Amino acid sequence: MPSRAQFPSAFMLSDSHLKTMLDLARRAALPIEAGATGEAILSAEAVSRRLVAIIAADVAGYSRLMEAEEEGTLARLRSLRHDLIDPKVTLHKGRTLKTTGDGMLIESANVVQAVRIAAG
């Protein structure tokens, strides 16, 4: 099994980010496991793989906006997602993997399509 020493560019993840990444890896059929110290480890078992681009989006100033006007902020975010983001994801053959209060993860078949989605 590969170790952290073999991958010096590897990074430590918080528990919630590690859980999200592991969930996505399982959906994508990647052999990734959580190490005892919170590191992501690529398993040695053979599986079929596919290469995708992942877009991680986050609303800047979300906490401030929610504090100022929660209902309006949620309505505007819902509207932007419905009218702008979701159609772009569909148009460029992407797939929304996960949404949170102020963020989302989107999968795209390649980097060019991911950039087109992100560029809006």
N, C-alpha and C. Protein backbone atom coordinates (compact mmCIF):
# COMPACT_ATOMS: atom_id res chain seq x y z
N MET A 1 0.85 -1.18 0.00
CA MET A 1 0.00 0.00 0.00
C MET A 1 0.89 1.24 0.00
N PRO A 2 0.61 2.23 -0.87
CA PRO A 2 1.42 3.46 -0.90
C PRO A 2 1.38 4.17 0.45
N SER A 3 2.49 4.82 0.76
CA SER A 3 2.55 5.55 2.03
C SER A 3 2.69 7.04 1.77
N ARG A 4 2.51 7.85 2.81
CA ARG A 4 2.63 9.30 2.70
C ARG A 4 4.02 9.69 2.23
N ALA A 5 5.05 8.94 2.63
CA ALA A 5 6.43 9.26 2.25
C ALA A 5 6.62 9.17 0.74
N GLN A 6 5.85 8.31 0.08
CA GLN A 6 5.96 8.17 -1.36
C GLN A 6 5.31 9.33 -2.10
N PHE A 7 4.44 10.07 -1.42
CA PHE A 7 3.71 11.17 -2.04
C PHE A 7 3.90 12.44 -1.22
N PRO A 8 5.05 13.13 -1.37
CA PRO A 8 5.34 14.29 -0.54
C PRO A 8 4.35 15.44 -0.75
N SER A 9 3.63 15.45 -1.88
CA SER A 9 2.67 16.52 -2.10
C SER A 9 1.32 16.22 -1.47
N ALA A 10 1.19 15.06 -0.81
CA ALA A 10 -0.07 14.72 -0.15
C ALA A 10 -0.35 15.72 0.96
N PHE A 11 -1.58 15.86 1.32
CA PHE A 11 -1.94 16.83 2.35
C PHE A 11 -2.90 16.23 3.35
N MET A 12 -2.94 16.81 4.52
CA MET A 12 -3.84 16.35 5.57
C MET A 12 -5.20 16.99 5.36
N LEU A 13 -6.25 16.26 5.64
CA LEU A 13 -7.61 16.74 5.47
C LEU A 13 -8.31 16.77 6.83
N SER A 14 -9.21 17.74 6.99
CA SER A 14 -10.03 17.73 8.19
C SER A 14 -10.94 16.51 8.12
N ASP A 15 -11.53 16.13 9.25
CA ASP A 15 -12.40 14.96 9.27
C ASP A 15 -13.56 15.08 8.29
N SER A 16 -14.19 16.26 8.23
CA SER A 16 -15.34 16.43 7.33
C SER A 16 -14.91 16.40 5.87
N HIS A 17 -13.77 17.02 5.55
CA HIS A 17 -13.29 16.99 4.16
C HIS A 17 -12.86 15.58 3.77
N LEU A 18 -12.24 14.86 4.71
CA LEU A 18 -11.83 13.50 4.43
C LEU A 18 -13.05 12.63 4.16
N LYS A 19 -14.09 12.78 4.96
CA LYS A 19 -15.31 12.00 4.77
C LYS A 19 -15.93 12.31 3.41
N THR A 20 -16.00 13.58 3.04
CA THR A 20 -16.55 13.96 1.74
C THR A 20 -15.73 13.37 0.61
N MET A 21 -14.41 13.48 0.70
CA MET A 21 -13.54 12.96 -0.34
C MET A 21 -13.68 11.45 -0.46
N LEU A 22 -13.76 10.75 0.67
CA LEU A 22 -13.90 9.30 0.64
C LEU A 22 -15.25 8.90 0.04
N ASP A 23 -16.30 9.64 0.37
CA ASP A 23 -17.61 9.36 -0.22
C ASP A 23 -17.56 9.53 -1.73
N LEU A 24 -16.94 10.60 -2.20
CA LEU A 24 -16.81 10.83 -3.65
C LEU A 24 -15.97 9.75 -4.31
N ALA A 25 -14.90 9.34 -3.64
CA ALA A 25 -14.03 8.30 -4.19
C ALA A 25 -14.79 6.98 -4.32
N ARG A 26 -15.61 6.67 -3.32
CA ARG A 26 -16.40 5.44 -3.40
C ARG A 26 -17.37 5.50 -4.58
N ARG A 27 -18.02 6.65 -4.76
CA ARG A 27 -18.94 6.80 -5.90
C ARG A 27 -18.21 6.67 -7.22
N ALA A 28 -16.99 7.15 -7.29
CA ALA A 28 -16.21 7.10 -8.53
C ALA A 28 -15.43 5.79 -8.64
N ALA A 29 -15.59 4.89 -7.70
CA ALA A 29 -14.92 3.59 -7.69
C ALA A 29 -13.40 3.72 -7.58
N LEU A 30 -12.92 4.69 -6.83
CA LEU A 30 -11.48 4.83 -6.60
C LEU A 30 -11.11 4.12 -5.30
N PRO A 31 -9.99 3.42 -5.28
CA PRO A 31 -9.59 2.67 -4.09
C PRO A 31 -8.86 3.55 -3.08
N ILE A 32 -9.59 4.47 -2.44
CA ILE A 32 -8.97 5.37 -1.45
C ILE A 32 -9.50 5.00 -0.07
N GLU A 33 -8.59 4.96 0.89
CA GLU A 33 -8.94 4.61 2.26
C GLU A 33 -8.44 5.71 3.20
N ALA A 34 -9.04 5.79 4.38
CA ALA A 34 -8.60 6.75 5.39
C ALA A 34 -7.51 6.12 6.23
N GLY A 35 -6.38 6.81 6.34
CA GLY A 35 -5.30 6.35 7.20
C GLY A 35 -5.60 6.66 8.65
N ALA A 36 -4.88 6.05 9.55
CA ALA A 36 -5.10 6.23 10.99
C ALA A 36 -4.88 7.67 11.44
N THR A 37 -4.04 8.41 10.73
CA THR A 37 -3.75 9.79 11.14
C THR A 37 -4.50 10.82 10.29
N GLY A 38 -5.54 10.38 9.58
CA GLY A 38 -6.34 11.30 8.80
C GLY A 38 -5.84 11.54 7.39
N GLU A 39 -4.92 10.72 6.94
CA GLU A 39 -4.42 10.90 5.58
C GLU A 39 -5.20 10.01 4.63
N ALA A 40 -5.30 10.45 3.39
CA ALA A 40 -5.95 9.66 2.36
C ALA A 40 -4.91 8.75 1.72
N ILE A 41 -5.22 7.46 1.64
CA ILE A 41 -4.28 6.48 1.12
C ILE A 41 -4.91 5.78 -0.07
N LEU A 42 -4.17 5.71 -1.17
CA LEU A 42 -4.62 5.00 -2.35
C LEU A 42 -4.36 3.52 -2.15
N SER A 43 -5.39 2.72 -2.18
CA SER A 43 -5.29 1.28 -1.98
C SER A 43 -4.59 0.63 -3.15
N ALA A 44 -3.99 -0.52 -2.93
CA ALA A 44 -3.26 -1.23 -3.97
C ALA A 44 -4.17 -2.12 -4.82
N GLU A 45 -5.43 -2.31 -4.41
CA GLU A 45 -6.30 -3.21 -5.17
C GLU A 45 -6.66 -2.63 -6.53
N ALA A 46 -6.80 -3.51 -7.50
CA ALA A 46 -7.10 -3.08 -8.87
C ALA A 46 -8.60 -2.85 -9.04
N VAL A 47 -8.95 -1.72 -9.59
CA VAL A 47 -10.34 -1.40 -9.90
C VAL A 47 -10.36 -0.61 -11.20
N SER A 48 -11.55 -0.51 -11.78
CA SER A 48 -11.64 0.35 -12.97
C SER A 48 -11.70 1.79 -12.51
N ARG A 49 -11.07 2.67 -13.26
CA ARG A 49 -10.99 4.07 -12.88
C ARG A 49 -11.47 4.94 -14.02
N ARG A 50 -11.87 6.15 -13.67
CA ARG A 50 -12.19 7.15 -14.68
C ARG A 50 -11.65 8.48 -14.20
N LEU A 51 -11.20 9.27 -15.12
CA LEU A 51 -10.63 10.56 -14.81
C LEU A 51 -11.72 11.62 -14.95
N VAL A 52 -11.90 12.43 -13.92
CA VAL A 52 -12.89 13.50 -13.95
C VAL A 52 -12.27 14.77 -13.38
N ALA A 53 -12.91 15.89 -13.65
CA ALA A 53 -12.53 17.17 -13.04
C ALA A 53 -13.60 17.50 -12.01
N ILE A 54 -13.18 17.96 -10.85
CA ILE A 54 -14.11 18.32 -9.78
C ILE A 54 -14.05 19.83 -9.56
N ILE A 55 -15.21 20.46 -9.55
CA ILE A 55 -15.30 21.89 -9.25
C ILE A 55 -15.80 22.02 -7.82
N ALA A 56 -15.09 22.74 -7.00
CA ALA A 56 -15.53 23.04 -5.64
C ALA A 56 -15.87 24.52 -5.60
N ALA A 57 -17.13 24.83 -5.34
CA ALA A 57 -17.58 26.23 -5.33
C ALA A 57 -18.08 26.60 -3.95
N ASP A 58 -17.86 27.85 -3.57
CA ASP A 58 -18.24 28.35 -2.25
C ASP A 58 -18.69 29.79 -2.40
N VAL A 59 -19.73 30.18 -1.68
CA VAL A 59 -20.23 31.56 -1.73
C VAL A 59 -19.38 32.43 -0.82
N ALA A 60 -18.74 33.44 -1.40
CA ALA A 60 -17.94 34.38 -0.61
C ALA A 60 -18.87 35.24 0.23
N GLY A 61 -18.55 35.40 1.50
CA GLY A 61 -19.33 36.26 2.39
C GLY A 61 -20.66 35.68 2.82
N TYR A 62 -20.82 34.36 2.70
CA TYR A 62 -22.10 33.70 3.01
C TYR A 62 -22.55 33.96 4.45
N SER A 63 -21.67 33.83 5.40
CA SER A 63 -22.04 34.04 6.81
C SER A 63 -22.54 35.47 7.04
N ARG A 64 -21.85 36.44 6.45
CA ARG A 64 -22.26 37.83 6.57
C ARG A 64 -23.63 38.05 5.93
N LEU A 65 -23.82 37.48 4.75
CA LEU A 65 -25.11 37.61 4.06
C LEU A 65 -26.24 36.97 4.85
N MET A 66 -25.99 35.79 5.40
CA MET A 66 -27.01 35.10 6.21
C MET A 66 -27.34 35.89 7.47
N GLU A 67 -26.32 36.48 8.06
CA GLU A 67 -26.54 37.28 9.27
C GLU A 67 -27.38 38.51 8.95
N ALA A 68 -27.14 39.12 7.81
CA ALA A 68 -27.85 40.34 7.43
C ALA A 68 -29.30 40.05 7.04
N GLU A 69 -29.52 38.98 6.24
CA GLU A 69 -30.88 38.67 5.80
C GLU A 69 -30.95 37.21 5.36
N GLU A 70 -31.29 36.34 6.29
CA GLU A 70 -31.28 34.91 6.04
C GLU A 70 -32.25 34.49 4.93
N GLU A 71 -33.49 34.88 5.02
CA GLU A 71 -34.50 34.45 4.03
C GLU A 71 -34.16 34.94 2.63
N GLY A 72 -33.76 36.19 2.51
CA GLY A 72 -33.42 36.75 1.21
C GLY A 72 -32.19 36.08 0.61
N THR A 73 -31.21 35.80 1.46
CA THR A 73 -29.99 35.15 0.99
C THR A 73 -30.30 33.75 0.48
N LEU A 74 -31.09 32.99 1.22
CA LEU A 74 -31.45 31.64 0.79
C LEU A 74 -32.26 31.66 -0.50
N ALA A 75 -33.19 32.61 -0.60
CA ALA A 75 -34.00 32.73 -1.82
C ALA A 75 -33.13 33.08 -3.02
N ARG A 76 -32.20 33.99 -2.84
CA ARG A 76 -31.32 34.41 -3.93
C ARG A 76 -30.39 33.26 -4.35
N LEU A 77 -29.87 32.54 -3.38
CA LEU A 77 -29.00 31.40 -3.68
C LEU A 77 -29.77 30.32 -4.43
N ARG A 78 -30.99 30.02 -3.99
CA ARG A 78 -31.84 29.04 -4.67
C ARG A 78 -32.12 29.47 -6.11
N SER A 79 -32.42 30.76 -6.28
CA SER A 79 -32.71 31.31 -7.59
C SER A 79 -31.48 31.23 -8.51
N LEU A 80 -30.32 31.61 -8.01
CA LEU A 80 -29.10 31.55 -8.81
C LEU A 80 -28.77 30.12 -9.23
N ARG A 81 -28.96 29.21 -8.29
CA ARG A 81 -28.67 27.81 -8.62
C ARG A 81 -29.64 27.31 -9.69
N HIS A 82 -30.92 27.59 -9.53
CA HIS A 82 -31.94 27.13 -10.48
C HIS A 82 -31.80 27.79 -11.85
N ASP A 83 -31.57 29.09 -11.87
CA ASP A 83 -31.56 29.85 -13.13
C ASP A 83 -30.20 29.90 -13.83
N LEU A 84 -29.12 29.78 -13.09
CA LEU A 84 -27.79 29.98 -13.67
C LEU A 84 -26.90 28.73 -13.59
N ILE A 85 -26.71 28.22 -12.38
CA ILE A 85 -25.74 27.15 -12.17
C ILE A 85 -26.20 25.82 -12.75
N ASP A 86 -27.39 25.34 -12.37
CA ASP A 86 -27.87 24.05 -12.83
C ASP A 86 -27.94 23.95 -14.36
N PRO A 87 -28.46 24.98 -15.06
CA PRO A 87 -28.46 24.89 -16.53
C PRO A 87 -27.06 24.80 -17.14
N LYS A 88 -26.07 25.51 -16.56
CA LYS A 88 -24.70 25.44 -17.07
C LYS A 88 -24.10 24.05 -16.83
N VAL A 89 -24.38 23.48 -15.68
CA VAL A 89 -23.89 22.14 -15.38
C VAL A 89 -24.47 21.15 -16.39
N THR A 90 -25.75 21.24 -16.65
CA THR A 90 -26.42 20.35 -17.61
C THR A 90 -25.91 20.58 -19.02
N LEU A 91 -25.80 21.85 -19.42
CA LEU A 91 -25.35 22.20 -20.77
C LEU A 91 -23.99 21.60 -21.09
N HIS A 92 -23.10 21.63 -20.11
CA HIS A 92 -21.73 21.14 -20.33
C HIS A 92 -21.52 19.73 -19.78
N LYS A 93 -22.62 19.00 -19.63
CA LYS A 93 -22.61 17.58 -19.27
C LYS A 93 -21.92 17.28 -17.93
N GLY A 94 -22.10 18.21 -16.98
CA GLY A 94 -21.57 17.99 -15.64
C GLY A 94 -22.60 17.31 -14.76
N ARG A 95 -22.24 17.09 -13.52
CA ARG A 95 -23.14 16.45 -12.56
C ARG A 95 -22.86 17.02 -11.18
N THR A 96 -23.91 17.50 -10.52
CA THR A 96 -23.76 18.00 -9.16
C THR A 96 -23.65 16.82 -8.22
N LEU A 97 -22.53 16.76 -7.49
CA LEU A 97 -22.28 15.65 -6.58
C LEU A 97 -22.83 15.92 -5.19
N LYS A 98 -22.66 17.17 -4.74
CA LYS A 98 -23.06 17.50 -3.37
C LYS A 98 -23.29 19.00 -3.26
N THR A 99 -24.30 19.37 -2.49
CA THR A 99 -24.50 20.78 -2.17
C THR A 99 -24.53 20.93 -0.65
N THR A 100 -24.05 22.07 -0.20
CA THR A 100 -24.11 22.42 1.22
C THR A 100 -24.78 23.78 1.29
N GLY A 101 -24.85 24.36 2.44
CA GLY A 101 -25.49 25.67 2.56
C GLY A 101 -24.93 26.69 1.60
N ASP A 102 -23.62 26.79 1.53
CA ASP A 102 -23.01 27.81 0.67
C ASP A 102 -22.03 27.25 -0.34
N GLY A 103 -22.06 25.95 -0.57
CA GLY A 103 -21.10 25.39 -1.49
C GLY A 103 -21.65 24.22 -2.26
N MET A 104 -20.86 23.80 -3.24
CA MET A 104 -21.26 22.63 -4.01
C MET A 104 -20.04 22.00 -4.67
N LEU A 105 -20.15 20.71 -4.93
CA LEU A 105 -19.14 19.96 -5.66
C LEU A 105 -19.79 19.49 -6.96
N ILE A 106 -19.11 19.77 -8.08
CA ILE A 106 -19.63 19.42 -9.40
C ILE A 106 -18.58 18.57 -10.10
N GLU A 107 -19.03 17.49 -10.73
CA GLU A 107 -18.15 16.62 -11.50
C GLU A 107 -18.30 16.94 -12.98
N SER A 108 -17.19 16.92 -13.68
CA SER A 108 -17.19 17.13 -15.12
C SER A 108 -16.30 16.08 -15.76
N ALA A 109 -16.65 15.69 -16.99
CA ALA A 109 -15.90 14.64 -17.67
C ALA A 109 -14.47 15.05 -18.00
N ASN A 110 -14.24 16.36 -18.16
CA ASN A 110 -12.89 16.83 -18.48
C ASN A 110 -12.70 18.27 -18.02
N VAL A 111 -11.48 18.73 -18.07
CA VAL A 111 -11.14 20.06 -17.59
C VAL A 111 -11.78 21.16 -18.44
N VAL A 112 -11.85 20.96 -19.74
CA VAL A 112 -12.43 21.99 -20.62
C VAL A 112 -13.89 22.22 -20.24
N GLN A 113 -14.66 21.15 -20.07
CA GLN A 113 -16.06 21.31 -19.67
C GLN A 113 -16.17 21.93 -18.29
N ALA A 114 -15.27 21.57 -17.38
CA ALA A 114 -15.29 22.14 -16.03
C ALA A 114 -15.07 23.65 -16.08
N VAL A 115 -14.14 24.08 -16.90
CA VAL A 115 -13.89 25.52 -17.04
C VAL A 115 -15.10 26.23 -17.63
N ARG A 116 -15.73 25.60 -18.61
CA ARG A 116 -16.93 26.20 -19.19
C ARG A 116 -18.06 26.33 -18.19
N ILE A 117 -18.20 25.34 -17.32
CA ILE A 117 -19.21 25.42 -16.26
C ILE A 117 -18.85 26.55 -15.30
N ALA A 118 -17.62 26.59 -14.85
CA ALA A 118 -17.18 27.58 -13.88
C ALA A 118 -17.22 29.00 -14.43
N ALA A 119 -16.94 29.15 -15.72
CA ALA A 119 -16.90 30.49 -16.31
C ALA A 119 -18.30 31.07 -16.48
N GLY A 120 -19.29 30.21 -16.42
CA GLY A 120 -20.69 30.66 -16.49
C GLY A 120 -21.04 31.19 -17.82
